[in-house]
PDB file of all heavy atoms in Angstrom:
ATOM      1  N   THR A   1     -31.765 -27.256  11.340  1.00  0.00           N
ATOM      2  CA  THR A   1     -31.874 -28.696  11.113  1.00  0.00           C
ATOM      3  C   THR A   1     -31.168 -29.152   9.837  1.00  0.00           C
ATOM      4  O   THR A   1     -31.251 -30.302   9.465  1.00  0.00           O
ATOM      5  CB  THR A   1     -33.362 -29.064  11.138  1.00  0.00           C
ATOM      6  OG1 THR A   1     -34.037 -28.425  10.164  1.00  0.00           O
ATOM      7  CG2 THR A   1     -33.947 -28.879  12.477  1.00  0.00           C
ATOM      8  N   ALA A   2     -30.519 -28.191   9.099  1.00  0.00           N
ATOM      9  CA  ALA A   2     -29.736 -28.562   7.897  1.00  0.00           C
ATOM     10  C   ALA A   2     -28.671 -27.533   7.778  1.00  0.00           C
ATOM     11  O   ALA A   2     -28.813 -26.376   8.284  1.00  0.00           O
ATOM     12  CB  ALA A   2     -30.649 -28.601   6.702  1.00  0.00           C
ATOM     13  N   VAL A   3     -27.495 -27.886   7.155  1.00  0.00           N
ATOM     14  CA  VAL A   3     -26.437 -27.014   6.971  1.00  0.00           C
ATOM     15  C   VAL A   3     -25.888 -27.015   5.566  1.00  0.00           C
ATOM     16  O   VAL A   3     -25.717 -28.022   4.984  1.00  0.00           O
ATOM     17  CB  VAL A   3     -25.265 -27.367   7.931  1.00  0.00           C
ATOM     18  CG1 VAL A   3     -24.151 -26.321   7.813  1.00  0.00           C
ATOM     19  CG2 VAL A   3     -25.680 -27.386   9.437  1.00  0.00           C
ATOM     20  N   LEU A   4     -25.720 -25.806   5.030  1.00  0.00           N
ATOM     21  CA  LEU A   4     -25.078 -25.661   3.724  1.00  0.00           C
ATOM     22  C   LEU A   4     -23.663 -25.006   3.912  1.00  0.00           C
ATOM     23  O   LEU A   4     -23.539 -24.179   4.750  1.00  0.00           O
ATOM     24  CB  LEU A   4     -25.875 -24.701   2.839  1.00  0.00           C
ATOM     25  CG  LEU A   4     -27.385 -25.029   2.648  1.00  0.00           C
ATOM     26  CD1 LEU A   4     -28.082 -23.967   1.810  1.00  0.00           C
ATOM     27  CD2 LEU A   4     -27.535 -26.411   2.030  1.00  0.00           C
ATOM     28  N   PHE A   5     -22.751 -25.595   3.201  1.00  0.00           N
ATOM     29  CA  PHE A   5     -21.361 -25.080   3.311  1.00  0.00           C
ATOM     30  C   PHE A   5     -20.898 -24.546   1.942  1.00  0.00           C
ATOM     31  O   PHE A   5     -21.143 -25.184   0.880  1.00  0.00           O
ATOM     32  CB  PHE A   5     -20.407 -26.159   3.757  1.00  0.00           C
ATOM     33  CG  PHE A   5     -20.544 -26.584   5.184  1.00  0.00           C
ATOM     34  CD1 PHE A   5     -21.344 -27.689   5.497  1.00  0.00           C
ATOM     35  CD2 PHE A   5     -19.821 -25.981   6.165  1.00  0.00           C
ATOM     36  CE1 PHE A   5     -21.488 -28.100   6.829  1.00  0.00           C
ATOM     37  CE2 PHE A   5     -19.948 -26.356   7.495  1.00  0.00           C
ATOM     38  CZ  PHE A   5     -20.699 -27.421   7.824  1.00  0.00           C
ATOM     39  N   ASP A   6     -20.110 -23.477   2.008  1.00  0.00           N
ATOM     40  CA  ASP A   6     -19.369 -23.075   0.897  1.00  0.00           C
ATOM     41  C   ASP A   6     -18.142 -23.977   0.698  1.00  0.00           C
ATOM     42  O   ASP A   6     -17.810 -24.704   1.685  1.00  0.00           O
ATOM     43  CB  ASP A   6     -18.897 -21.629   1.069  1.00  0.00           C
ATOM     44  CG  ASP A   6     -17.939 -21.097   0.022  1.00  0.00           C
ATOM     45  OD1 ASP A   6     -18.267 -21.226  -1.231  1.00  0.00           O
ATOM     46  OD2 ASP A   6     -16.824 -20.577   0.405  1.00  0.00           O
ATOM     47  N   PHE A   7     -17.433 -23.968  -0.393  1.00  0.00           N
ATOM     48  CA  PHE A   7     -16.239 -24.798  -0.632  1.00  0.00           C
ATOM     49  C   PHE A   7     -14.898 -24.054  -0.319  1.00  0.00           C
ATOM     50  O   PHE A   7     -14.374 -24.313   0.763  1.00  0.00           O
ATOM     51  CB  PHE A   7     -16.292 -25.310  -2.114  1.00  0.00           C
ATOM     52  CG  PHE A   7     -15.036 -25.940  -2.553  1.00  0.00           C
ATOM     53  CD1 PHE A   7     -14.469 -27.008  -1.933  1.00  0.00           C
ATOM     54  CD2 PHE A   7     -14.370 -25.484  -3.723  1.00  0.00           C
ATOM     55  CE1 PHE A   7     -13.273 -27.659  -2.402  1.00  0.00           C
ATOM     56  CE2 PHE A   7     -13.247 -26.076  -4.209  1.00  0.00           C
ATOM     57  CZ  PHE A   7     -12.702 -27.151  -3.506  1.00  0.00           C
ATOM     58  N   SER A   8     -14.516 -23.214  -1.198  1.00  0.00           N
ATOM     59  CA  SER A   8     -13.185 -22.623  -1.123  1.00  0.00           C
ATOM     60  C   SER A   8     -13.203 -21.512   0.037  1.00  0.00           C
ATOM     61  O   SER A   8     -14.005 -20.656  -0.039  1.00  0.00           O
ATOM     62  CB  SER A   8     -12.813 -21.950  -2.458  1.00  0.00           C
ATOM     63  OG  SER A   8     -11.604 -21.320  -2.272  1.00  0.00           O
ATOM     64  N   GLY A   9     -12.292 -21.710   0.889  1.00  0.00           N
ATOM     65  CA  GLY A   9     -12.130 -20.784   2.033  1.00  0.00           C
ATOM     66  C   GLY A   9     -13.022 -21.079   3.136  1.00  0.00           C
ATOM     67  O   GLY A   9     -12.990 -20.444   4.193  1.00  0.00           O
ATOM     68  N   THR A  10     -13.813 -22.139   3.030  1.00  0.00           N
ATOM     69  CA  THR A  10     -14.757 -22.560   4.040  1.00  0.00           C
ATOM     70  C   THR A  10     -14.417 -23.970   4.548  1.00  0.00           C
ATOM     71  O   THR A  10     -14.031 -24.133   5.644  1.00  0.00           O
ATOM     72  CB  THR A  10     -16.207 -22.480   3.630  1.00  0.00           C
ATOM     73  OG1 THR A  10     -16.516 -21.154   3.275  1.00  0.00           O
ATOM     74  CG2 THR A  10     -17.226 -22.905   4.670  1.00  0.00           C
ATOM     75  N   LEU A  11     -14.627 -24.936   3.635  1.00  0.00           N
ATOM     76  CA  LEU A  11     -14.268 -26.327   3.983  1.00  0.00           C
ATOM     77  C   LEU A  11     -12.810 -26.686   3.506  1.00  0.00           C
ATOM     78  O   LEU A  11     -12.155 -27.497   4.152  1.00  0.00           O
ATOM     79  CB  LEU A  11     -15.228 -27.289   3.314  1.00  0.00           C
ATOM     80  CG  LEU A  11     -16.650 -27.322   3.917  1.00  0.00           C
ATOM     81  CD1 LEU A  11     -17.530 -28.241   3.093  1.00  0.00           C
ATOM     82  CD2 LEU A  11     -16.571 -27.835   5.363  1.00  0.00           C
ATOM     83  N   PHE A  12     -12.435 -26.100   2.431  1.00  0.00           N
ATOM     84  CA  PHE A  12     -11.077 -26.344   1.813  1.00  0.00           C
ATOM     85  C   PHE A  12     -10.333 -25.059   1.540  1.00  0.00           C
ATOM     86  O   PHE A  12     -10.971 -23.998   1.372  1.00  0.00           O
ATOM     87  CB  PHE A  12     -11.220 -27.079   0.501  1.00  0.00           C
ATOM     88  CG  PHE A  12     -11.505 -28.542   0.601  1.00  0.00           C
ATOM     89  CD1 PHE A  12     -12.853 -29.008   0.763  1.00  0.00           C
ATOM     90  CD2 PHE A  12     -10.510 -29.497   0.552  1.00  0.00           C
ATOM     91  CE1 PHE A  12     -13.108 -30.412   0.883  1.00  0.00           C
ATOM     92  CE2 PHE A  12     -10.787 -30.871   0.651  1.00  0.00           C
ATOM     93  CZ  PHE A  12     -12.089 -31.276   0.829  1.00  0.00           C
ATOM     94  N   ARG A  13      -9.013 -25.128   1.516  1.00  0.00           N
ATOM     95  CA  ARG A  13      -8.226 -24.023   1.101  1.00  0.00           C
ATOM     96  C   ARG A  13      -7.337 -24.448  -0.052  1.00  0.00           C
ATOM     97  O   ARG A  13      -6.673 -25.633   0.011  1.00  0.00           O
ATOM     98  CB  ARG A  13      -7.392 -23.581   2.289  1.00  0.00           C
ATOM     99  CG  ARG A  13      -6.280 -22.581   1.921  1.00  0.00           C
ATOM    100  CD  ARG A  13      -6.850 -21.111   1.727  1.00  0.00           C
ATOM    101  NE  ARG A  13      -5.697 -20.236   1.338  1.00  0.00           N
ATOM    102  CZ  ARG A  13      -5.698 -19.005   1.731  1.00  0.00           C
ATOM    103  NH1 ARG A  13      -6.616 -18.440   2.362  1.00  0.00           N
ATOM    104  NH2 ARG A  13      -4.630 -18.207   1.321  1.00  0.00           N
ATOM    105  N   VAL A  14      -7.172 -23.640  -1.098  1.00  0.00           N
ATOM    106  CA  VAL A  14      -6.346 -24.082  -2.188  1.00  0.00           C
ATOM    107  C   VAL A  14      -4.869 -23.790  -1.744  1.00  0.00           C
ATOM    108  O   VAL A  14      -4.514 -23.026  -0.881  1.00  0.00           O
ATOM    109  CB  VAL A  14      -6.691 -23.213  -3.442  1.00  0.00           C
ATOM    110  CG1 VAL A  14      -6.273 -21.743  -3.250  1.00  0.00           C
ATOM    111  CG2 VAL A  14      -6.083 -23.817  -4.694  1.00  0.00           C
ATOM    112  N   GLU A  15      -3.972 -24.495  -2.390  1.00  0.00           N
ATOM    113  CA  GLU A  15      -2.520 -24.348  -2.107  1.00  0.00           C
ATOM    114  C   GLU A  15      -2.092 -22.911  -2.360  1.00  0.00           C
ATOM    115  O   GLU A  15      -2.730 -22.113  -3.089  1.00  0.00           O
ATOM    116  CB  GLU A  15      -1.744 -25.342  -2.963  1.00  0.00           C
ATOM    117  CG  GLU A  15      -1.785 -25.074  -4.498  1.00  0.00           C
ATOM    118  CD  GLU A  15      -1.121 -26.196  -5.279  1.00  0.00           C
ATOM    119  OE1 GLU A  15      -0.282 -26.879  -4.822  1.00  0.00           O
ATOM    120  OE2 GLU A  15      -1.561 -26.388  -6.478  1.00  0.00           O
ATOM    121  N   SER A  16      -0.822 -22.592  -1.975  1.00  0.00           N
ATOM    122  CA  SER A  16      -0.294 -21.302  -2.277  1.00  0.00           C
ATOM    123  C   SER A  16      -0.017 -21.108  -3.700  1.00  0.00           C
ATOM    124  O   SER A  16       0.158 -22.066  -4.458  1.00  0.00           O
ATOM    125  CB  SER A  16       1.033 -21.101  -1.421  1.00  0.00           C
ATOM    126  OG  SER A  16       1.996 -21.945  -1.921  1.00  0.00           O
ATOM    127  N   THR A  17       0.270 -19.871  -4.122  1.00  0.00           N
ATOM    128  CA  THR A  17       0.545 -19.581  -5.530  1.00  0.00           C
ATOM    129  C   THR A  17       1.925 -20.277  -5.926  1.00  0.00           C
ATOM    130  O   THR A  17       1.964 -20.815  -6.960  1.00  0.00           O
ATOM    131  CB  THR A  17       0.622 -18.140  -5.826  1.00  0.00           C
ATOM    132  OG1 THR A  17      -0.610 -17.467  -5.450  1.00  0.00           O
ATOM    133  CG2 THR A  17       0.807 -17.831  -7.281  1.00  0.00           C
ATOM    134  N   ASP A  18       2.848 -20.149  -4.940  1.00  0.00           N
ATOM    135  CA  ASP A  18       4.117 -20.830  -5.264  1.00  0.00           C
ATOM    136  C   ASP A  18       4.013 -22.303  -5.455  1.00  0.00           C
ATOM    137  O   ASP A  18       4.512 -22.867  -6.412  1.00  0.00           O
ATOM    138  CB  ASP A  18       5.077 -20.543  -4.079  1.00  0.00           C
ATOM    139  CG  ASP A  18       6.489 -21.110  -4.332  1.00  0.00           C
ATOM    140  OD1 ASP A  18       7.283 -20.511  -5.059  1.00  0.00           O
ATOM    141  OD2 ASP A  18       6.783 -22.236  -3.734  1.00  0.00           O
ATOM    142  N   SER A  19       3.259 -23.004  -4.583  1.00  0.00           N
ATOM    143  CA  SER A  19       2.964 -24.392  -4.711  1.00  0.00           C
ATOM    144  C   SER A  19       2.230 -24.785  -5.947  1.00  0.00           C
ATOM    145  O   SER A  19       2.533 -25.787  -6.645  1.00  0.00           O
ATOM    146  CB  SER A  19       2.238 -24.972  -3.445  1.00  0.00           C
ATOM    147  OG  SER A  19       1.875 -26.276  -3.691  1.00  0.00           O
ATOM    148  N   TRP A  20       1.264 -23.913  -6.317  1.00  0.00           N
ATOM    149  CA  TRP A  20       0.491 -24.057  -7.528  1.00  0.00           C
ATOM    150  C   TRP A  20       1.345 -24.069  -8.784  1.00  0.00           C
ATOM    151  O   TRP A  20       1.324 -24.936  -9.658  1.00  0.00           O
ATOM    152  CB  TRP A  20      -0.488 -22.922  -7.532  1.00  0.00           C
ATOM    153  CG  TRP A  20      -1.409 -22.710  -8.786  1.00  0.00           C
ATOM    154  CD1 TRP A  20      -2.188 -23.758  -9.386  1.00  0.00           C
ATOM    155  CD2 TRP A  20      -1.683 -21.534  -9.484  1.00  0.00           C
ATOM    156  NE1 TRP A  20      -2.950 -23.181 -10.402  1.00  0.00           N
ATOM    157  CE2 TRP A  20      -2.602 -21.900 -10.461  1.00  0.00           C
ATOM    158  CE3 TRP A  20      -1.199 -20.201  -9.386  1.00  0.00           C
ATOM    159  CZ2 TRP A  20      -3.155 -20.902 -11.383  1.00  0.00           C
ATOM    160  CZ3 TRP A  20      -1.744 -19.284 -10.228  1.00  0.00           C
ATOM    161  CH2 TRP A  20      -2.714 -19.647 -11.226  1.00  0.00           C
ATOM    162  N   LEU A  21       2.282 -23.121  -8.863  1.00  0.00           N
ATOM    163  CA  LEU A  21       3.211 -22.993 -10.026  1.00  0.00           C
ATOM    164  C   LEU A  21       4.160 -24.186 -10.020  1.00  0.00           C
ATOM    165  O   LEU A  21       4.384 -24.816 -11.058  1.00  0.00           O
ATOM    166  CB  LEU A  21       3.940 -21.709  -9.991  1.00  0.00           C
ATOM    167  CG  LEU A  21       5.042 -21.510 -11.004  1.00  0.00           C
ATOM    168  CD1 LEU A  21       4.454 -21.625 -12.473  1.00  0.00           C
ATOM    169  CD2 LEU A  21       5.770 -20.153 -10.856  1.00  0.00           C
ATOM    170  N   ARG A  22       4.693 -24.526  -8.814  1.00  0.00           N
ATOM    171  CA  ARG A  22       5.725 -25.647  -8.855  1.00  0.00           C
ATOM    172  C   ARG A  22       5.050 -26.970  -9.119  1.00  0.00           C
ATOM    173  O   ARG A  22       5.657 -27.797  -9.794  1.00  0.00           O
ATOM    174  CB  ARG A  22       6.375 -25.659  -7.438  1.00  0.00           C
ATOM    175  CG  ARG A  22       7.293 -24.488  -7.261  1.00  0.00           C
ATOM    176  CD  ARG A  22       7.939 -24.484  -5.825  1.00  0.00           C
ATOM    177  NE  ARG A  22       8.664 -23.269  -5.480  1.00  0.00           N
ATOM    178  CZ  ARG A  22       9.905 -23.118  -5.900  1.00  0.00           C
ATOM    179  NH1 ARG A  22      10.562 -24.027  -6.534  1.00  0.00           N
ATOM    180  NH2 ARG A  22      10.514 -21.934  -5.574  1.00  0.00           N
ATOM    181  N   GLY A  23       3.799 -27.144  -8.628  1.00  0.00           N
ATOM    182  CA  GLY A  23       3.157 -28.406  -9.018  1.00  0.00           C
ATOM    183  C   GLY A  23       2.823 -28.551 -10.511  1.00  0.00           C
ATOM    184  O   GLY A  23       2.880 -29.628 -11.041  1.00  0.00           O
ATOM    185  N   THR A  24       2.509 -27.381 -11.103  1.00  0.00           N
ATOM    186  CA  THR A  24       2.213 -27.402 -12.548  1.00  0.00           C
ATOM    187  C   THR A  24       3.532 -27.726 -13.282  1.00  0.00           C
ATOM    188  O   THR A  24       3.540 -28.562 -14.300  1.00  0.00           O
ATOM    189  CB  THR A  24       1.650 -26.005 -12.983  1.00  0.00           C
ATOM    190  OG1 THR A  24       0.494 -25.752 -12.229  1.00  0.00           O
ATOM    191  CG2 THR A  24       1.452 -25.997 -14.479  1.00  0.00           C
ATOM    192  N   LEU A  25       4.567 -27.107 -12.937  1.00  0.00           N
ATOM    193  CA  LEU A  25       5.878 -27.329 -13.583  1.00  0.00           C
ATOM    194  C   LEU A  25       6.327 -28.730 -13.392  1.00  0.00           C
ATOM    195  O   LEU A  25       6.886 -29.366 -14.357  1.00  0.00           O
ATOM    196  CB  LEU A  25       6.934 -26.398 -13.057  1.00  0.00           C
ATOM    197  CG  LEU A  25       6.774 -24.877 -13.357  1.00  0.00           C
ATOM    198  CD1 LEU A  25       7.726 -24.066 -12.599  1.00  0.00           C
ATOM    199  CD2 LEU A  25       6.956 -24.665 -14.926  1.00  0.00           C
ATOM    200  N   ALA A  26       6.135 -29.322 -12.238  1.00  0.00           N
ATOM    201  CA  ALA A  26       6.571 -30.686 -11.968  1.00  0.00           C
ATOM    202  C   ALA A  26       5.847 -31.732 -12.866  1.00  0.00           C
ATOM    203  O   ALA A  26       6.409 -32.779 -13.189  1.00  0.00           O
ATOM    204  CB  ALA A  26       6.401 -31.094 -10.497  1.00  0.00           C
ATOM    205  N   ALA A  27       4.645 -31.355 -13.296  1.00  0.00           N
ATOM    206  CA  ALA A  27       3.842 -32.236 -14.093  1.00  0.00           C
ATOM    207  C   ALA A  27       4.088 -32.025 -15.596  1.00  0.00           C
ATOM    208  O   ALA A  27       3.511 -32.700 -16.409  1.00  0.00           O
ATOM    209  CB  ALA A  27       2.323 -32.124 -13.790  1.00  0.00           C
ATOM    210  N   SER A  28       4.910 -31.084 -15.919  1.00  0.00           N
ATOM    211  CA  SER A  28       5.227 -30.717 -17.312  1.00  0.00           C
ATOM    212  C   SER A  28       6.641 -30.994 -17.705  1.00  0.00           C
ATOM    213  O   SER A  28       7.421 -31.403 -16.800  1.00  0.00           O
ATOM    214  CB  SER A  28       4.874 -29.270 -17.499  1.00  0.00           C
ATOM    215  OG  SER A  28       5.897 -28.428 -16.979  1.00  0.00           O
ATOM    216  N   ALA A  29       6.929 -30.798 -18.935  1.00  0.00           N
ATOM    217  CA  ALA A  29       8.305 -30.887 -19.427  1.00  0.00           C
ATOM    218  C   ALA A  29       9.039 -29.584 -19.362  1.00  0.00           C
ATOM    219  O   ALA A  29      10.191 -29.515 -19.776  1.00  0.00           O
ATOM    220  CB  ALA A  29       8.321 -31.475 -20.858  1.00  0.00           C
ATOM    221  N   ILE A  30       8.468 -28.618 -18.784  1.00  0.00           N
ATOM    222  CA  ILE A  30       9.038 -27.249 -18.732  1.00  0.00           C
ATOM    223  C   ILE A  30       9.953 -27.138 -17.523  1.00  0.00           C
ATOM    224  O   ILE A  30       9.504 -27.435 -16.354  1.00  0.00           O
ATOM    225  CB  ILE A  30       7.935 -26.166 -18.702  1.00  0.00           C
ATOM    226  CG1 ILE A  30       7.053 -26.310 -19.932  1.00  0.00           C
ATOM    227  CG2 ILE A  30       8.527 -24.807 -18.612  1.00  0.00           C
ATOM    228  CD1 ILE A  30       5.751 -25.456 -19.839  1.00  0.00           C
ATOM    229  N   ARG A  31      11.150 -26.662 -17.658  1.00  0.00           N
ATOM    230  CA  ARG A  31      12.089 -26.512 -16.631  1.00  0.00           C
ATOM    231  C   ARG A  31      12.520 -25.053 -16.504  1.00  0.00           C
ATOM    232  O   ARG A  31      12.953 -24.494 -17.492  1.00  0.00           O
ATOM    233  CB  ARG A  31      13.303 -27.461 -16.750  1.00  0.00           C
ATOM    234  CG  ARG A  31      12.954 -28.939 -16.813  1.00  0.00           C
ATOM    235  CD  ARG A  31      12.442 -29.390 -15.429  1.00  0.00           C
ATOM    236  NE  ARG A  31      12.031 -30.812 -15.449  1.00  0.00           N
ATOM    237  CZ  ARG A  31      10.797 -31.227 -15.595  1.00  0.00           C
ATOM    238  NH1 ARG A  31       9.797 -30.360 -15.758  1.00  0.00           N
ATOM    239  NH2 ARG A  31      10.505 -32.524 -15.656  1.00  0.00           N
TER     240      ARG A  31
END
């Protein structure tokens, strides 16, 4: 009659490592 959910890997998935790095670089002045 109630449900508990985990977050990462259950309801959501984090981006790929490549996307993580590229997103960080895009928001910085580092090229």
